[in-house]
Amino acid sequence: MAASRHANSYMVTASVDYIDFSQPVNLGEIVMLKSQVNRVFTTSLEIGVEVFSENLLTGERKHTTSAYVTFVAIDEYTRKPRPVPPLILRLRKRSAAGAKLRNAGEIRLAHRQKEKG
């Protein structure tokens, strides 16, 4: 939703960085997602997503995982990538700097090399 609202466009998922669960989501808990636009590129944008679970009976809420998801804006008629409006940065400079590194592939490459171990 954050991607579609920012771009006012249909979006397709281009990539999802690794997802590691630091806490399990237990049976009967509800899942909540918090997202924000970290950086905008020409036709794509990166969304930071935090996932929380909440026990409905106790109200206990815990952070379960985070991920970075890249979406591409798609023209409604041609079904081809279309430009995305620029992001006006206020307090998100740190998120934007991290997104720039991830887009350059440095962090993704390091993670893939770590997996191959």
C-alpha atoms as a PDB file:
ATOM      1  CA  MET A   1       0.000   0.000   0.000  1.00  0.00           C
ATOM      2  CA  ALA A   2       2.838   2.413   0.775  1.00  0.00           C
ATOM      3  CA  ALA A   3       4.284   1.877  -2.711  1.00  0.00           C
ATOM      4  CA  SER A   4       0.956   2.247  -4.525  1.00  0.00           C
ATOM      5  CA  ARG A   5       0.001   5.323  -2.545  1.00  0.00           C
ATOM      6  CA  HIS A   6       3.316   7.045  -3.174  1.00  0.00           C
ATOM      7  CA  ALA A   7       3.366   6.272  -6.897  1.00  0.00           C
ATOM      8  CA  ASN A   8      -0.414   6.440  -7.393  1.00  0.00           C
ATOM      9  CA  SER A   9       0.070   3.408  -9.581  1.00  0.00           C
ATOM     10  CA  TYR A  10      -0.253  -0.340  -9.839  1.00  0.00           C
ATOM     11  CA  MET A  11       2.902  -1.976  -8.511  1.00  0.00           C
ATOM     12  CA  VAL A  12       4.632  -5.303  -9.030  1.00  0.00           C
ATOM     13  CA  THR A  13       7.093  -6.850  -6.600  1.00  0.00           C
ATOM     14  CA  ALA A  14      10.617  -6.900  -8.038  1.00  0.00           C
ATOM     15  CA  SER A  15      12.482  -8.316  -5.033  1.00  0.00           C
ATOM     16  CA  VAL A  16      12.248  -9.109  -1.358  1.00  0.00           C
ATOM     17  CA  ASP A  17      15.439  -9.112   0.676  1.00  0.00           C
ATOM     18  CA  TYR A  18      15.994 -11.976   3.048  1.00  0.00           C
ATOM     19  CA  ILE A  19      13.497 -12.452   5.853  1.00  0.00           C
ATOM     20  CA  ASP A  20      14.681 -13.739   9.228  1.00  0.00           C
ATOM     21  CA  PHE A  21      12.140 -14.180  11.990  1.00  0.00           C
ATOM     22  CA  SER A  22      13.543 -13.057  15.344  1.00  0.00           C
ATOM     23  CA  GLN A  23      10.312 -14.061  17.105  1.00  0.00           C
ATOM     24  CA  PRO A  24       7.687 -16.634  16.083  1.00  0.00           C
ATOM     25  CA  VAL A  25       4.124 -15.697  15.231  1.00  0.00           C
ATOM     26  CA  ASN A  26       2.024 -17.990  17.408  1.00  0.00           C
ATOM     27  CA  LEU A  27      -1.343 -19.535  16.656  1.00  0.00           C
ATOM     28  CA  GLY A  28      -4.142 -17.055  17.362  1.00  0.00           C
ATOM     29  CA  GLU A  29      -1.951 -13.944  17.143  1.00  0.00           C
ATOM     30  CA  ILE A  30      -2.738 -11.196  14.696  1.00  0.00           C
ATOM     31  CA  VAL A  31      -0.063  -9.842  12.373  1.00  0.00           C
ATOM     32  CA  MET A  32       0.464  -6.145  11.710  1.00  0.00           C
ATOM     33  CA  LEU A  33       2.715  -4.584   9.108  1.00  0.00           C
ATOM     34  CA  LYS A  34       4.234  -1.120   9.272  1.00  0.00           C
ATOM     35  CA  SER A  35       5.778   0.204   6.083  1.00  0.00           C
ATOM     36  CA  GLN A  36       7.439   3.310   4.740  1.00  0.00           C
ATOM     37  CA  VAL A  37       8.981   4.438   1.479  1.00  0.00           C
ATOM     38  CA  ASN A  38      12.765   4.499   1.998  1.00  0.00           C
ATOM     39  CA  ARG A  39      13.953   5.545  -1.438  1.00  0.00           C
ATOM     40  CA  VAL A  40      12.597   6.211  -4.911  1.00  0.00           C
ATOM     41  CA  PHE A  41      14.447   5.335  -8.096  1.00  0.00           C
ATOM     42  CA  THR A  42      13.367   5.969 -11.709  1.00  0.00           C
ATOM     43  CA  THR A  43      10.532   3.414 -11.992  1.00  0.00           C
ATOM     44  CA  SER A  44      10.925   1.583  -8.691  1.00  0.00           C
ATOM     45  CA  LEU A  45      10.976   2.216  -4.988  1.00  0.00           C
ATOM     46  CA  GLU A  46      12.126   0.480  -1.844  1.00  0.00           C
ATOM     47  CA  ILE A  47       9.734  -0.073   1.026  1.00  0.00           C
ATOM     48  CA  GLY A  48      10.917  -0.908   4.544  1.00  0.00           C
ATOM     49  CA  VAL A  49       8.495  -3.286   6.262  1.00  0.00           C
ATOM     50  CA  GLU A  50       8.347  -4.141   9.966  1.00  0.00           C
ATOM     51  CA  VAL A  51       6.174  -7.066  11.044  1.00  0.00           C
ATOM     52  CA  PHE A  52       4.626  -7.288  14.503  1.00  0.00           C
ATOM     53  CA  SER A  53       2.458  -9.945  16.110  1.00  0.00           C
ATOM     54  CA  GLU A  54      -0.018  -9.349  18.911  1.00  0.00           C
ATOM     55  CA  ASN A  55      -1.590 -11.751  21.356  1.00  0.00           C
ATOM     56  CA  LEU A  56      -5.304 -10.908  21.307  1.00  0.00           C
ATOM     57  CA  LEU A  57      -5.844 -12.103  24.885  1.00  0.00           C
ATOM     58  CA  THR A  58      -2.927 -10.368  26.619  1.00  0.00           C
ATOM     59  CA  GLY A  59      -2.287  -7.453  24.261  1.00  0.00           C
ATOM     60  CA  GLU A  60       1.426  -8.334  24.173  1.00  0.00           C
ATOM     61  CA  ARG A  61       2.974  -7.043  20.942  1.00  0.00           C
ATOM     62  CA  LYS A  62       6.359  -8.156  19.605  1.00  0.00           C
ATOM     63  CA  HIS A  63       8.514  -7.344  16.597  1.00  0.00           C
ATOM     64  CA  THR A  64       8.879 -10.540  14.576  1.00  0.00           C
ATOM     65  CA  THR A  65      10.781  -9.539  11.433  1.00  0.00           C
ATOM     66  CA  SER A  66      11.769  -6.751   9.053  1.00  0.00           C
ATOM     67  CA  ALA A  67      12.346  -6.763   5.308  1.00  0.00           C
ATOM     68  CA  TYR A  68      13.085  -4.494   2.387  1.00  0.00           C
ATOM     69  CA  VAL A  69      10.822  -4.897  -0.634  1.00  0.00           C
ATOM     70  CA  THR A  70      11.406  -3.342  -4.058  1.00  0.00           C
ATOM     71  CA  PHE A  71       8.378  -2.554  -6.204  1.00  0.00           C
ATOM     72  CA  VAL A  72       8.152  -1.346  -9.812  1.00  0.00           C
ATOM     73  CA  ALA A  73       5.389   1.036 -10.942  1.00  0.00           C
ATOM     74  CA  ILE A  74       3.402  -0.332 -13.882  1.00  0.00           C
ATOM     75  CA  ASP A  75       1.417   1.731 -16.364  1.00  0.00           C
ATOM     76  CA  GLU A  76      -2.239   0.757 -16.211  1.00  0.00           C
ATOM     77  CA  TYR A  77      -2.630   0.547 -19.997  1.00  0.00           C
ATOM     78  CA  THR A  78       0.724  -0.474 -21.471  1.00  0.00           C
ATOM     79  CA  ARG A  79       1.720  -2.711 -18.521  1.00  0.00           C
ATOM     80  CA  LYS A  80       5.254  -1.335 -18.816  1.00  0.00           C
ATOM     81  CA  PRO A  81       7.305   0.363 -16.072  1.00  0.00           C
ATOM     82  CA  ARG A  82       6.460   4.002 -15.548  1.00  0.00           C
ATOM     83  CA  PRO A  83       8.247   6.826 -13.695  1.00  0.00           C
ATOM     84  CA  VAL A  84       7.709   7.209  -9.961  1.00  0.00           C
ATOM     85  CA  PRO A  85       7.336  10.659  -8.352  1.00  0.00           C
ATOM     86  CA  PRO A  86      10.371  11.740  -6.315  1.00  0.00           C
ATOM     87  CA  LEU A  87      10.480  11.237  -2.568  1.00  0.00           C
ATOM     88  CA  ILE A  88      10.619  14.380  -0.482  1.00  0.00           C
ATOM     89  CA  LEU A  89      12.980  13.528   2.366  1.00  0.00           C
ATOM     90  CA  ARG A  90      12.377  14.970   5.767  1.00  0.00           C
ATOM     91  CA  LEU A  91      13.527  12.690   8.574  1.00  0.00           C
ATOM     92  CA  ARG A  92      14.287   9.649   6.447  1.00  0.00           C
ATOM     93  CA  LYS A  93      17.847  10.367   5.331  1.00  0.00           C
ATOM     94  CA  ARG A  94      19.210   7.298   7.145  1.00  0.00           C
ATOM     95  CA  SER A  95      16.670   4.996   5.436  1.00  0.00           C
ATOM     96  CA  ALA A  96      17.446   6.553   2.060  1.00  0.00           C
ATOM     97  CA  ALA A  97      21.198   6.070   2.501  1.00  0.00           C
ATOM     98  CA  GLY A  98      20.689   2.395   3.371  1.00  0.00           C
ATOM     99  CA  ALA A  99      18.401   1.943   0.365  1.00  0.00           C
ATOM    100  CA  LYS A 100      21.062   3.428  -1.902  1.00  0.00           C
ATOM    101  CA  LEU A 101      23.597   0.859  -0.658  1.00  0.00           C
ATOM    102  CA  ARG A 102      21.116  -2.003  -1.024  1.00  0.00           C
ATOM    103  CA  ASN A 103      20.247  -0.891  -4.555  1.00  0.00           C
ATOM    104  CA  ALA A 104      23.937  -0.831  -5.448  1.00  0.00           C
ATOM    105  CA  GLY A 105      23.961  -4.476  -4.463  1.00  0.00           C
ATOM    106  CA  GLU A 106      26.656  -4.260  -1.798  1.00  0.00           C
ATOM    107  CA  ILE A 107      24.498  -5.454   1.077  1.00  0.00           C
ATOM    108  CA  ARG A 108      22.595  -7.995  -1.036  1.00  0.00           C
ATOM    109  CA  LEU A 109      25.841  -9.386  -2.415  1.00  0.00           C
ATOM    110  CA  ALA A 110      27.364  -9.671   1.067  1.00  0.00           C
ATOM    111  CA  HIS A 111      24.271 -11.514   2.299  1.00  0.00           C
ATOM    112  CA  ARG A 112      24.355 -13.972  -0.638  1.00  0.00           C
ATOM    113  CA  GLN A 113      28.038 -14.670  -0.031  1.00  0.00           C
ATOM    114  CA  LYS A 114      27.289 -15.261   3.669  1.00  0.00           C
ATOM    115  CA  GLU A 115      24.577 -17.795   2.720  1.00  0.00           C
ATOM    116  CA  LYS A 116      27.010 -19.709   0.484  1.00  0.00           C
ATOM    117  CA  GLY A 117      29.420 -19.684   3.452  1.00  0.00           C
END
